[in-house]
């Protein structure tokens, strides 16, 4: 398989969020950031963010926590496999993801957590998290830094949603209409060194995100992310204390195409492992397009967030094949 080389002439916008997030922010400074974010996501579907409010120490602790988890014996990781779990939590092994149209499975391995719930709620995106036993991985080395970062990025995801909503001319508090109990999933990812992958294999193959806002942390100096723009691939450098933000298919649809959902992929060309973490901030499972009140840009459609989630994962995980969305939603278990 021939892998198209990325362009070196294009860069994603870099936006300073401090004039919006700072306690000293003014209506004028906030309006400037809102306009910058709208322009970037309308053009590229992505932007890079500085002064985003997530402490650098929390970022570093998370990366080390992910590395610690991925080093435990394979059988211990497989014991936490999300393929055995009726809730979408736990370990994803290399090869578990195979999107429709892909020629080869992804090389990456990952671990998922989300908003905790004592009981699993259909179709399986709310439920208890899985954690390695403290005997295997002490809580200060994994659970504590992971949960701290999750809370930080959960807060930032909400702020990004409000920026995008205001960029469409709506008040930011419209967010409360469809986020009473939102799905917020966090995916911690390890990409193997280039020499450990198969010829033509991607860390993650080209795809769009299907939902709302994605907040991505990349381990500094470990490049690999590329974003498609007008037929070219833009390399996105992994920079210290710079987060990468993008919109998914749901936002593109709800905005009537004002915002873009861009294809992206990861190719780890280095001879060291690469760590990253993506937080996906969607909305309530029963939520539908909030912008169809005659004032927004969205298309009138009855598809819910749950419909979108099930539809995407049905195309990615082999055990999901052949099941109808309604079957999964009513079944009480989420089949991967």
C-alpha atoms as a PDB file:
ATOM      1  CA  UNK A   1       0.000   0.000   0.000  1.00  0.00           C
ATOM      2  CA  UNK A   2       1.313   3.442  -0.955  1.00  0.00           C
ATOM      3  CA  UNK A   3       0.999   6.033   1.799  1.00  0.00           C
ATOM      4  CA  UNK A   4       0.635   9.585   0.469  1.00  0.00           C
ATOM      5  CA  UNK A   5       3.237  11.932   1.899  1.00  0.00           C
ATOM      6  CA  UNK A   6       2.005  14.857   3.992  1.00  0.00           C
ATOM      7  CA  UNK A   7       2.219  18.444   2.832  1.00  0.00           C
ATOM      8  CA  UNK A   8       4.841  20.621   4.478  1.00  0.00           C
ATOM      9  CA  UNK A   9       3.252  23.881   3.338  1.00  0.00           C
ATOM     10  CA  UNK A  10       0.129  23.882   5.500  1.00  0.00           C
ATOM     11  CA  UNK A  11      -0.306  24.240   9.245  1.00  0.00           C
ATOM     12  CA  UNK A  12      -3.372  24.119  11.430  1.00  0.00           C
ATOM     13  CA  UNK A  13      -4.426  27.357  13.153  1.00  0.00           C
ATOM     14  CA  UNK A  14      -2.963  27.869  16.628  1.00  0.00           C
ATOM     15  CA  UNK A  15      -5.463  29.598  18.928  1.00  0.00           C
ATOM     16  CA  UNK A  16      -4.773  31.123  22.340  1.00  0.00           C
ATOM     17  CA  UNK A  17      -7.776  30.300  24.542  1.00  0.00           C
ATOM     18  CA  UNK A  18      -6.706  32.561  27.429  1.00  0.00           C
ATOM     19  CA  UNK A  19      -8.679  35.606  26.196  1.00  0.00           C
ATOM     20  CA  UNK A  20     -11.808  33.437  26.477  1.00  0.00           C
ATOM     21  CA  UNK A  21     -11.088  31.242  29.511  1.00  0.00           C
ATOM     22  CA  UNK A  22      -9.343  33.791  31.734  1.00  0.00           C
ATOM     23  CA  UNK A  23     -11.304  35.245  34.684  1.00  0.00           C
ATOM     24  CA  UNK A  24     -10.276  38.625  33.279  1.00  0.00           C
ATOM     25  CA  UNK A  25     -11.740  37.891  29.828  1.00  0.00           C
ATOM     26  CA  UNK A  26     -13.860  40.683  28.373  1.00  0.00           C
ATOM     27  CA  UNK A  27     -16.808  40.403  25.967  1.00  0.00           C
ATOM     28  CA  UNK A  28     -14.508  41.715  23.247  1.00  0.00           C
ATOM     29  CA  UNK A  29     -11.693  39.244  23.921  1.00  0.00           C
ATOM     30  CA  UNK A  30     -14.188  36.371  24.105  1.00  0.00           C
ATOM     31  CA  UNK A  31     -15.756  37.407  20.809  1.00  0.00           C
ATOM     32  CA  UNK A  32     -12.311  37.345  19.168  1.00  0.00           C
ATOM     33  CA  UNK A  33     -11.674  33.751  20.276  1.00  0.00           C
ATOM     34  CA  UNK A  34     -15.176  32.668  19.245  1.00  0.00           C
ATOM     35  CA  UNK A  35     -14.543  34.062  15.764  1.00  0.00           C
ATOM     36  CA  UNK A  36     -11.120  32.404  15.550  1.00  0.00           C
ATOM     37  CA  UNK A  37     -12.511  29.011  16.548  1.00  0.00           C
ATOM     38  CA  UNK A  38     -15.432  29.288  14.133  1.00  0.00           C
ATOM     39  CA  UNK A  39     -13.104  30.176  11.254  1.00  0.00           C
ATOM     40  CA  UNK A  40     -10.674  27.349  12.033  1.00  0.00           C
ATOM     41  CA  UNK A  41     -13.299  24.618  12.426  1.00  0.00           C
ATOM     42  CA  UNK A  42     -15.258  25.868   9.406  1.00  0.00           C
ATOM     43  CA  UNK A  43     -12.113  25.682   7.262  1.00  0.00           C
ATOM     44  CA  UNK A  44     -10.123  22.768   8.674  1.00  0.00           C
ATOM     45  CA  UNK A  45     -12.328  20.981  11.217  1.00  0.00           C
ATOM     46  CA  UNK A  46      -9.301  21.223  13.541  1.00  0.00           C
ATOM     47  CA  UNK A  47      -7.209  23.715  15.450  1.00  0.00           C
ATOM     48  CA  UNK A  48      -4.353  23.689  17.946  1.00  0.00           C
ATOM     49  CA  UNK A  49      -4.884  25.283  21.351  1.00  0.00           C
ATOM     50  CA  UNK A  50      -2.595  26.941  23.887  1.00  0.00           C
ATOM     51  CA  UNK A  51      -3.474  28.328  27.319  1.00  0.00           C
ATOM     52  CA  UNK A  52      -6.268  25.774  27.483  1.00  0.00           C
ATOM     53  CA  UNK A  53      -6.313  25.431  31.264  1.00  0.00           C
ATOM     54  CA  UNK A  54      -5.103  21.835  31.637  1.00  0.00           C
ATOM     55  CA  UNK A  55      -1.994  21.856  33.863  1.00  0.00           C
ATOM     56  CA  UNK A  56       1.192  20.617  32.251  1.00  0.00           C
ATOM     57  CA  UNK A  57       1.858  18.421  35.281  1.00  0.00           C
ATOM     58  CA  UNK A  58      -1.476  16.671  34.704  1.00  0.00           C
ATOM     59  CA  UNK A  59      -0.546  16.050  31.063  1.00  0.00           C
ATOM     60  CA  UNK A  60       2.838  14.582  31.975  1.00  0.00           C
ATOM     61  CA  UNK A  61       1.342  12.399  34.709  1.00  0.00           C
ATOM     62  CA  UNK A  62      -1.248  11.038  32.310  1.00  0.00           C
ATOM     63  CA  UNK A  63       1.333  10.113  29.667  1.00  0.00           C
ATOM     64  CA  UNK A  64       3.429   8.253  32.235  1.00  0.00           C
ATOM     65  CA  UNK A  65       0.302   6.519  33.555  1.00  0.00           C
ATOM     66  CA  UNK A  66      -0.589   5.279  30.077  1.00  0.00           C
ATOM     67  CA  UNK A  67       2.955   4.041  29.535  1.00  0.00           C
ATOM     68  CA  UNK A  68       2.835   2.223  32.884  1.00  0.00           C
ATOM     69  CA  UNK A  69      -0.416   0.465  32.022  1.00  0.00           C
ATOM     70  CA  UNK A  70       0.712  -0.609  28.575  1.00  0.00           C
ATOM     71  CA  UNK A  71       3.822  -2.273  30.052  1.00  0.00           C
ATOM     72  CA  UNK A  72       1.893  -4.781  32.165  1.00  0.00           C
ATOM     73  CA  UNK A  73       1.722  -8.374  30.871  1.00  0.00           C
ATOM     74  CA  UNK A  74      -0.498  -8.891  27.843  1.00  0.00           C
ATOM     75  CA  UNK A  75      -2.688 -11.452  29.611  1.00  0.00           C
ATOM     76  CA  UNK A  76      -3.434  -8.907  32.338  1.00  0.00           C
ATOM     77  CA  UNK A  77      -4.475  -6.332  29.748  1.00  0.00           C
ATOM     78  CA  UNK A  78      -6.634  -8.852  27.882  1.00  0.00           C
ATOM     79  CA  UNK A  79      -8.395  -9.690  31.151  1.00  0.00           C
ATOM     80  CA  UNK A  80      -9.699  -6.102  31.027  1.00  0.00           C
ATOM     81  CA  UNK A  81     -10.712  -6.288  27.337  1.00  0.00           C
ATOM     82  CA  UNK A  82     -13.653  -4.122  26.370  1.00  0.00           C
ATOM     83  CA  UNK A  83     -14.747  -6.923  24.029  1.00  0.00           C
ATOM     84  CA  UNK A  84     -15.678  -8.900  27.148  1.00  0.00           C
ATOM     85  CA  UNK A  85     -17.419  -5.935  28.735  1.00  0.00           C
ATOM     86  CA  UNK A  86     -21.096  -5.037  28.155  1.00  0.00           C
ATOM     87  CA  UNK A  87     -20.034  -1.431  28.742  1.00  0.00           C
ATOM     88  CA  UNK A  88     -17.532   0.349  26.537  1.00  0.00           C
ATOM     89  CA  UNK A  89     -14.698   0.392  29.065  1.00  0.00           C
ATOM     90  CA  UNK A  90     -11.314  -1.266  29.302  1.00  0.00           C
ATOM     91  CA  UNK A  91      -8.531  -2.465  27.038  1.00  0.00           C
ATOM     92  CA  UNK A  92      -8.527  -2.511  23.235  1.00  0.00           C
ATOM     93  CA  UNK A  93      -5.818  -4.694  21.758  1.00  0.00           C
ATOM     94  CA  UNK A  94      -3.959  -4.152  18.516  1.00  0.00           C
ATOM     95  CA  UNK A  95      -6.194  -5.437  15.727  1.00  0.00           C
ATOM     96  CA  UNK A  96      -9.522  -4.977  17.532  1.00  0.00           C
ATOM     97  CA  UNK A  97     -10.385  -1.984  15.323  1.00  0.00           C
ATOM     98  CA  UNK A  98     -11.045  -2.630  11.646  1.00  0.00           C
ATOM     99  CA  UNK A  99     -13.095   0.013   9.877  1.00  0.00           C
ATOM    100  CA  UNK A 100     -15.194  -0.703   6.814  1.00  0.00           C
ATOM    101  CA  UNK A 101     -12.985  -0.055   3.798  1.00  0.00           C
ATOM    102  CA  UNK A 102      -9.694  -0.543   5.649  1.00  0.00           C
ATOM    103  CA  UNK A 103      -7.162  -2.956   4.166  1.00  0.00           C
ATOM    104  CA  UNK A 104      -5.524  -3.649   7.494  1.00  0.00           C
ATOM    105  CA  UNK A 105      -6.332  -3.372  11.186  1.00  0.00           C
ATOM    106  CA  UNK A 106      -4.953  -0.523  13.306  1.00  0.00           C
ATOM    107  CA  UNK A 107      -1.591  -1.081  14.988  1.00  0.00           C
ATOM    108  CA  UNK A 108      -2.478   0.855  18.149  1.00  0.00           C
ATOM    109  CA  UNK A 109      -3.655  -0.448  21.491  1.00  0.00           C
ATOM    110  CA  UNK A 110      -5.849   1.605  23.794  1.00  0.00           C
ATOM    111  CA  UNK A 111      -7.688   1.823  27.102  1.00  0.00           C
ATOM    112  CA  UNK A 112     -11.090   3.482  27.652  1.00  0.00           C
ATOM    113  CA  UNK A 113     -12.759   5.158  30.598  1.00  0.00           C
ATOM    114  CA  UNK A 114     -15.822   7.383  30.763  1.00  0.00           C
ATOM    115  CA  UNK A 115     -18.399   8.996  32.995  1.00  0.00           C
ATOM    116  CA  UNK A 116     -18.884   6.446  35.793  1.00  0.00           C
ATOM    117  CA  UNK A 117     -22.270   4.939  36.543  1.00  0.00           C
ATOM    118  CA  UNK A 118     -23.029   2.127  38.987  1.00  0.00           C
ATOM    119  CA  UNK A 119     -25.260   0.339  36.506  1.00  0.00           C
ATOM    120  CA  UNK A 120     -24.763  -0.287  32.806  1.00  0.00           C
ATOM    121  CA  UNK A 121     -27.313   1.631  30.783  1.00  0.00           C
ATOM    122  CA  UNK A 122     -28.216   0.562  27.217  1.00  0.00           C
ATOM    123  CA  UNK A 123     -26.596   0.768  24.746  1.00  0.00           C
ATOM    124  CA  UNK A 124     -23.530   0.556  26.987  1.00  0.00           C
ATOM    125  CA  UNK A 125     -21.943   3.998  27.002  1.00  0.00           C
ATOM    126  CA  UNK A 126     -22.776   4.669  30.651  1.00  0.00           C
ATOM    127  CA  UNK A 127     -21.499   2.235  33.247  1.00  0.00           C
ATOM    128  CA  UNK A 128     -18.697   1.504  35.696  1.00  0.00           C
ATOM    129  CA  UNK A 129     -15.099   2.018  34.684  1.00  0.00           C
ATOM    130  CA  UNK A 130     -12.567  -0.797  34.706  1.00  0.00           C
ATOM    131  CA  UNK A 131      -9.313  -0.224  36.551  1.00  0.00           C
ATOM    132  CA  UNK A 132      -6.278  -2.468  36.977  1.00  0.00           C
ATOM    133  CA  UNK A 133      -5.986  -3.881  40.483  1.00  0.00           C
ATOM    134  CA  UNK A 134      -3.890  -1.775  42.877  1.00  0.00           C
ATOM    135  CA  UNK A 135      -1.621  -4.790  43.320  1.00  0.00           C
ATOM    136  CA  UNK A 136      -0.892  -4.789  39.592  1.00  0.00           C
ATOM    137  CA  UNK A 137      -0.717  -1.005  39.108  1.00  0.00           C
ATOM    138  CA  UNK A 138      -0.829   1.159  42.267  1.00  0.00           C
ATOM    139  CA  UNK A 139      -3.564   3.793  42.102  1.00  0.00           C
ATOM    140  CA  UNK A 140      -1.113   6.746  42.300  1.00  0.00           C
ATOM    141  CA  UNK A 141       0.579   5.392  39.156  1.00  0.00           C
ATOM    142  CA  UNK A 142      -2.545   5.043  36.996  1.00  0.00           C
ATOM    143  CA  UNK A 143      -6.028   5.563  38.366  1.00  0.00           C
ATOM    144  CA  UNK A 144      -5.344   8.841  40.188  1.00  0.00           C
ATOM    145  CA  UNK A 145      -3.563  10.729  37.346  1.00  0.00           C
ATOM    146  CA  UNK A 146      -5.958   9.324  34.743  1.00  0.00           C
ATOM    147  CA  UNK A 147      -9.045  10.416  36.630  1.00  0.00           C
ATOM    148  CA  UNK A 148      -7.553  13.841  37.355  1.00  0.00           C
ATOM    149  CA  UNK A 149      -6.824  14.413  33.663  1.00  0.00           C
ATOM    150  CA  UNK A 150     -10.279  13.129  32.695  1.00  0.00           C
ATOM    151  CA  UNK A 151     -11.905  15.744  34.916  1.00  0.00           C
ATOM    152  CA  UNK A 152      -9.709  18.483  33.434  1.00  0.00           C
ATOM    153  CA  UNK A 153     -10.414  17.549  29.837  1.00  0.00           C
ATOM    154  CA  UNK A 154     -14.114  17.060  30.592  1.00  0.00           C
ATOM    155  CA  UNK A 155     -14.242  20.689  31.696  1.00  0.00           C
ATOM    156  CA  UNK A 156     -12.346  21.877  28.613  1.00  0.00           C
ATOM    157  CA  UNK A 157     -14.588  19.901  26.267  1.00  0.00           C
ATOM    158  CA  UNK A 158     -17.603  21.734  27.662  1.00  0.00           C
ATOM    159  CA  UNK A 159     -15.896  25.080  27.033  1.00  0.00           C
ATOM    160  CA  UNK A 160     -15.072  24.130  23.428  1.00  0.00           C
ATOM    161  CA  UNK A 161     -18.693  23.134  22.829  1.00  0.00           C
ATOM    162  CA  UNK A 162     -19.826  26.536  24.086  1.00  0.00           C
ATOM    163  CA  UNK A 163     -17.346  28.267  21.790  1.00  0.00           C
ATOM    164  CA  UNK A 164     -18.704  26.370  18.795  1.00  0.00           C
ATOM    165  CA  UNK A 165     -22.312  27.047  19.768  1.00  0.00           C
ATOM    166  CA  UNK A 166     -21.626  30.772  20.097  1.00  0.00           C
ATOM    167  CA  UNK A 167     -19.846  30.672  16.751  1.00  0.00           C
ATOM    168  CA  UNK A 168     -23.224  29.707  15.262  1.00  0.00           C
ATOM    169  CA  UNK A 169     -24.862  32.734  16.855  1.00  0.00           C
ATOM    170  CA  UNK A 170     -26.487  30.934  19.781  1.00  0.00           C
ATOM    171  CA  UNK A 171     -25.962  31.580  23.498  1.00  0.00           C
ATOM    172  CA  UNK A 172     -23.429  29.233  25.078  1.00  0.00           C
ATOM    173  CA  UNK A 173     -25.934  28.010  27.654  1.00  0.00           C
ATOM    174  CA  UNK A 174     -27.799  26.226  24.852  1.00  0.00           C
ATOM    175  CA  UNK A 175     -25.374  23.429  25.719  1.00  0.00           C
ATOM    176  CA  UNK A 176     -27.422  22.618  28.823  1.00  0.00           C
ATOM    177  CA  UNK A 177     -30.318  21.588  26.578  1.00  0.00           C
ATOM    178  CA  UNK A 178     -28.567  18.423  25.436  1.00  0.00           C
ATOM    179  CA  UNK A 179     -25.936  17.706  28.105  1.00  0.00           C
ATOM    180  CA  UNK A 180     -27.780  16.687  31.244  1.00  0.00           C
ATOM    181  CA  UNK A 181     -25.858  13.398  31.267  1.00  0.00           C
ATOM    182  CA  UNK A 182     -23.505  13.580  28.302  1.00  0.00           C
ATOM    183  CA  UNK A 183     -21.369  10.758  26.959  1.00  0.00           C
ATOM    184  CA  UNK A 184     -17.737  11.748  27.584  1.00  0.00           C
ATOM    185  CA  UNK A 185     -15.302   8.977  26.705  1.00  0.00           C
ATOM    186  CA  UNK A 186     -11.528   9.055  27.082  1.00  0.00           C
ATOM    187  CA  UNK A 187      -9.256   6.862  24.975  1.00  0.00           C
ATOM    188  CA  UNK A 188      -5.627   6.402  26.046  1.00  0.00           C
ATOM    189  CA  UNK A 189      -3.500   5.186  23.150  1.00  0.00           C
ATOM    190  CA  UNK A 190      -0.103   3.563  22.579  1.00  0.00           C
ATOM    191  CA  UNK A 191       1.341   3.323  19.070  1.00  0.00           C
ATOM    192  CA  UNK A 192       4.148   0.806  18.593  1.00  0.00           C
ATOM    193  CA  UNK A 193       7.460   1.799  16.982  1.00  0.00           C
ATOM    194  CA  UNK A 194       7.485   1.876  13.183  1.00  0.00           C
ATOM    195  CA  UNK A 195       9.569  -1.300  12.938  1.00  0.00           C
ATOM    196  CA  UNK A 196       6.925  -3.205  14.938  1.00  0.00           C
ATOM    197  CA  UNK A 197       4.151  -2.469  12.425  1.00  0.00           C
ATOM    198  CA  UNK A 198       3.302  -4.261   9.192  1.00  0.00           C
ATOM    199  CA  UNK A 199       4.102  -2.816   5.799  1.00  0.00           C
ATOM    200  CA  UNK A 200       1.484  -0.185   4.949  1.00  0.00           C
ATOM    201  CA  UNK A 201      -0.156  -0.394   8.384  1.00  0.00           C
ATOM    202  CA  UNK A 202      -1.377   2.760  10.104  1.00  0.00           C
ATOM    203  CA  UNK A 203      -1.367   3.431  13.817  1.00  0.00           C
ATOM    204  CA  UNK A 204      -4.929   4.571  13.175  1.00  0.00           C
ATOM    205  CA  UNK A 205      -6.275   4.525   9.631  1.00  0.00           C
ATOM    206  CA  UNK A 206      -7.893   7.534   7.968  1.00  0.00           C
ATOM    207  CA  UNK A 207     -11.258   8.338   9.532  1.00  0.00           C
ATOM    208  CA  UNK A 208     -13.459  11.135  10.794  1.00  0.00           C
ATOM    209  CA  UNK A 209     -14.631  11.335  14.382  1.00  0.00           C
ATOM    210  CA  UNK A 210     -18.344  10.652  14.503  1.00  0.00           C
ATOM    211  CA  UNK A 211     -19.569  12.709  17.403  1.00  0.00           C
ATOM    212  CA  UNK A 212     -18.981  16.026  19.111  1.00  0.00           C
ATOM    213  CA  UNK A 213     -15.776  17.665  20.325  1.00  0.00           C
ATOM    214  CA  UNK A 214     -12.460  15.791  20.502  1.00  0.00           C
ATOM    215  CA  UNK A 215      -9.640  17.033  22.731  1.00  0.00           C
ATOM    216  CA  UNK A 216      -6.318  15.365  21.895  1.00  0.00           C
ATOM    217  CA  UNK A 217      -3.100  15.305  23.901  1.00  0.00           C
ATOM    218  CA  UNK A 218       0.033  14.155  22.058  1.00  0.00           C
ATOM    219  CA  UNK A 219       3.261  13.169  23.758  1.00  0.00           C
ATOM    220  CA  UNK A 220       5.668  16.003  22.998  1.00  0.00           C
ATOM    221  CA  UNK A 221       8.135  15.280  20.205  1.00  0.00           C
ATOM    222  CA  UNK A 222       6.372  12.103  19.057  1.00  0.00           C
ATOM    223  CA  UNK A 223       4.792  13.205  15.779  1.00  0.00           C
ATOM    224  CA  UNK A 224       2.447  11.108  13.668  1.00  0.00           C
ATOM    225  CA  UNK A 225      -0.956  12.814  13.401  1.00  0.00           C
ATOM    226  CA  UNK A 226      -1.978  14.004   9.931  1.00  0.00           C
ATOM    227  CA  UNK A 227      -5.167  15.856   8.928  1.00  0.00           C
ATOM    228  CA  UNK A 228      -6.637  15.831   5.421  1.00  0.00           C
ATOM    229  CA  UNK A 229      -7.291  19.223   3.840  1.00  0.00           C
ATOM    230  CA  UNK A 230      -8.354  19.577   0.204  1.00  0.00           C
ATOM    231  CA  UNK A 231      -6.724  16.314  -0.769  1.00  0.00           C
ATOM    232  CA  UNK A 232      -3.475  16.957   1.091  1.00  0.00           C
ATOM    233  CA  UNK A 233      -2.309  15.609   4.437  1.00  0.00           C
ATOM    234  CA  UNK A 234      -1.241  18.234   6.979  1.00  0.00           C
ATOM    235  CA  UNK A 235       1.246  17.007   9.598  1.00  0.00           C
ATOM    236  CA  UNK A 236       0.305  18.132  13.105  1.00  0.00           C
ATOM    237  CA  UNK A 237       3.409  18.373  15.287  1.00  0.00           C
ATOM    238  CA  UNK A 238       3.281  17.011  18.819  1.00  0.00           C
ATOM    239  CA  UNK A 239       4.165  20.120  20.817  1.00  0.00           C
ATOM    240  CA  UNK A 240       4.583  20.593  24.549  1.00  0.00           C
ATOM    241  CA  UNK A 241       1.429  21.938  26.231  1.00  0.00           C
ATOM    242  CA  UNK A 242      -0.431  22.276  22.914  1.00  0.00           C
ATOM    243  CA  UNK A 243      -3.712  20.395  22.537  1.00  0.00           C
ATOM    244  CA  UNK A 244      -5.379  19.497  19.253  1.00  0.00           C
ATOM    245  CA  UNK A 245      -9.132  20.125  19.009  1.00  0.00           C
ATOM    246  CA  UNK A 246     -11.483  18.852  16.312  1.00  0.00           C
ATOM    247  CA  UNK A 247     -15.160  18.510  15.495  1.00  0.00           C
ATOM    248  CA  UNK A 248     -16.843  15.227  14.621  1.00  0.00           C
ATOM    249  CA  UNK A 249     -19.518  14.255  12.111  1.00  0.00           C
ATOM    250  CA  UNK A 250     -22.342  15.079  14.525  1.00  0.00           C
ATOM    251  CA  UNK A 251     -21.227  18.701  14.862  1.00  0.00           C
ATOM    252  CA  UNK A 252     -20.786  18.992  11.096  1.00  0.00           C
ATOM    253  CA  UNK A 253     -24.311  17.684  10.560  1.00  0.00           C
ATOM    254  CA  UNK A 254     -25.941  19.657  13.361  1.00  0.00           C
ATOM    255  CA  UNK A 255     -24.338  22.875  12.069  1.00  0.00           C
ATOM    256  CA  UNK A 256     -25.627  22.241   8.561  1.00  0.00           C
ATOM    257  CA  UNK A 257     -22.076  22.022   7.241  1.00  0.00           C
ATOM    258  CA  UNK A 258     -20.853  25.275   8.760  1.00  0.00           C
ATOM    259  CA  UNK A 259     -18.316  23.246  10.728  1.00  0.00           C
ATOM    260  CA  UNK A 260     -16.203  20.545   9.100  1.00  0.00           C
ATOM    261  CA  UNK A 261     -15.353  17.028  10.256  1.00  0.00           C
ATOM    262  CA  UNK A 262     -11.983  16.250   8.701  1.00  0.00           C
ATOM    263  CA  UNK A 263     -10.351  12.912   8.031  1.00  0.00           C
ATOM    264  CA  UNK A 264      -7.216  12.228  10.014  1.00  0.00           C
ATOM    265  CA  UNK A 265      -4.794   9.367  10.570  1.00  0.00           C
ATOM    266  CA  UNK A 266      -1.720   8.454  12.599  1.00  0.00           C
ATOM    267  CA  UNK A 267       1.536   7.039  11.259  1.00  0.00           C
ATOM    268  CA  UNK A 268       4.209   6.616  13.908  1.00  0.00           C
ATOM    269  CA  UNK A 269       7.379   6.821  11.832  1.00  0.00           C
ATOM    270  CA  UNK A 270       9.706   6.845  14.831  1.00  0.00           C
ATOM    271  CA  UNK A 271      11.501   3.937  16.444  1.00  0.00           C
ATOM    272  CA  UNK A 272       9.995   4.647  19.863  1.00  0.00           C
ATOM    273  CA  UNK A 273       6.461   4.139  21.080  1.00  0.00           C
ATOM    274  CA  UNK A 274       4.060   7.072  20.833  1.00  0.00           C
ATOM    275  CA  UNK A 275       1.513   7.948  23.541  1.00  0.00           C
ATOM    276  CA  UNK A 276      -1.594  10.078  23.064  1.00  0.00           C
ATOM    277  CA  UNK A 277      -4.997  10.559  24.654  1.00  0.00           C
ATOM    278  CA  UNK A 278      -8.291  11.627  23.084  1.00  0.00           C
ATOM    279  CA  UNK A 279     -11.373  12.739  25.000  1.00  0.00           C
ATOM    280  CA  UNK A 280     -14.631  12.582  23.035  1.00  0.00           C
ATOM    281  CA  UNK A 281     -17.316  14.953  24.329  1.00  0.00           C
ATOM    282  CA  UNK A 282     -20.692  14.110  22.768  1.00  0.00           C
ATOM    283  CA  UNK A 283     -24.039  14.821  24.404  1.00  0.00           C
ATOM    284  CA  UNK A 284     -27.009  13.067  26.002  1.00  0.00           C
ATOM    285  CA  UNK A 285     -27.805   9.702  24.422  1.00  0.00           C
ATOM    286  CA  UNK A 286     -31.356  10.764  23.580  1.00  0.00           C
ATOM    287  CA  UNK A 287     -30.323  14.201  22.276  1.00  0.00           C
ATOM    288  CA  UNK A 288     -31.141  15.274  18.733  1.00  0.00           C
ATOM    289  CA  UNK A 289     -30.041  18.343  16.784  1.00  0.00           C
ATOM    290  CA  UNK A 290     -30.536  21.388  19.066  1.00  0.00           C
ATOM    291  CA  UNK A 291     -30.223  23.883  16.202  1.00  0.00           C
ATOM    292  CA  UNK A 292     -33.480  23.129  14.352  1.00  0.00           C
ATOM    293  CA  UNK A 293     -35.666  25.720  16.046  1.00  0.00           C
ATOM    294  CA  UNK A 294     -35.771  27.950  12.996  1.00  0.00           C
ATOM    295  CA  UNK A 295     -32.800  29.990  14.128  1.00  0.00           C
ATOM    296  CA  UNK A 296     -29.977  27.479  13.721  1.00  0.00           C
ATOM    297  CA  UNK A 297     -28.177  26.001  10.774  1.00  0.00           C
ATOM    298  CA  UNK A 298     -28.810  22.308  11.429  1.00  0.00           C
ATOM    299  CA  UNK A 299     -30.773  19.805   9.406  1.00  0.00           C
ATOM    300  CA  UNK A 300     -34.053  18.548  10.867  1.00  0.00           C
ATOM    301  CA  UNK A 301     -33.443  14.931  11.760  1.00  0.00           C
ATOM    302  CA  UNK A 302     -34.512  12.548  14.482  1.00  0.00           C
ATOM    303  CA  UNK A 303     -31.220  10.641  14.741  1.00  0.00           C
ATOM    304  CA  UNK A 304     -30.039  10.644  18.348  1.00  0.00           C
ATOM    305  CA  UNK A 305     -26.537  10.643  19.781  1.00  0.00           C
ATOM    306  CA  UNK A 306     -27.067   6.965  20.667  1.00  0.00           C
ATOM    307  CA  UNK A 307     -27.972   6.194  17.055  1.00  0.00           C
ATOM    308  CA  UNK A 308     -24.766   7.813  15.852  1.00  0.00           C
ATOM    309  CA  UNK A 309     -22.601   6.003  18.406  1.00  0.00           C
ATOM    310  CA  UNK A 310     -24.036   2.577  17.665  1.00  0.00           C
ATOM    311  CA  UNK A 311     -23.890   3.129  13.920  1.00  0.00           C
ATOM    312  CA  UNK A 312     -20.185   3.988  14.019  1.00  0.00           C
ATOM    313  CA  UNK A 313     -19.112   1.142  16.268  1.00  0.00           C
ATOM    314  CA  UNK A 314     -21.199  -1.291  14.280  1.00  0.00           C
ATOM    315  CA  UNK A 315     -18.890  -0.589  11.321  1.00  0.00           C
ATOM    316  CA  UNK A 316     -15.665  -0.967  13.333  1.00  0.00           C
ATOM    317  CA  UNK A 317     -15.912  -4.038  15.528  1.00  0.00           C
ATOM    318  CA  UNK A 318     -16.511  -7.446  14.019  1.00  0.00           C
ATOM    319  CA  UNK A 319     -18.858  -8.722  16.743  1.00  0.00           C
ATOM    320  CA  UNK A 320     -21.205  -5.848  15.940  1.00  0.00           C
ATOM    321  CA  UNK A 321     -21.765  -6.945  12.339  1.00  0.00           C
ATOM    322  CA  UNK A 322     -25.312  -7.857  11.415  1.00  0.00           C
ATOM    323  CA  UNK A 323     -27.003  -6.213  14.383  1.00  0.00           C
ATOM    324  CA  UNK A 324     -29.544  -3.451  13.875  1.00  0.00           C
ATOM    325  CA  UNK A 325     -29.303  -0.254  15.902  1.00  0.00           C
ATOM    326  CA  UNK A 326     -32.679  -0.943  17.515  1.00  0.00           C
ATOM    327  CA  UNK A 327     -31.522  -4.426  18.534  1.00  0.00           C
ATOM    328  CA  UNK A 328     -28.509  -3.031  20.326  1.00  0.00           C
ATOM    329  CA  UNK A 329     -30.388  -0.163  21.949  1.00  0.00           C
ATOM    330  CA  UNK A 330     -33.021  -2.501  23.374  1.00  0.00           C
ATOM    331  CA  UNK A 331     -30.742  -5.386  24.198  1.00  0.00           C
ATOM    332  CA  UNK A 332     -29.373  -4.101  27.472  1.00  0.00           C
ATOM    333  CA  UNK A 333     -25.810  -4.930  26.377  1.00  0.00           C
ATOM    334  CA  UNK A 334     -23.467  -3.177  24.032  1.00  0.00           C
ATOM    335  CA  UNK A 335     -22.088  -5.654  21.484  1.00  0.00           C
ATOM    336  CA  UNK A 336     -18.746  -4.496  20.150  1.00  0.00           C
END
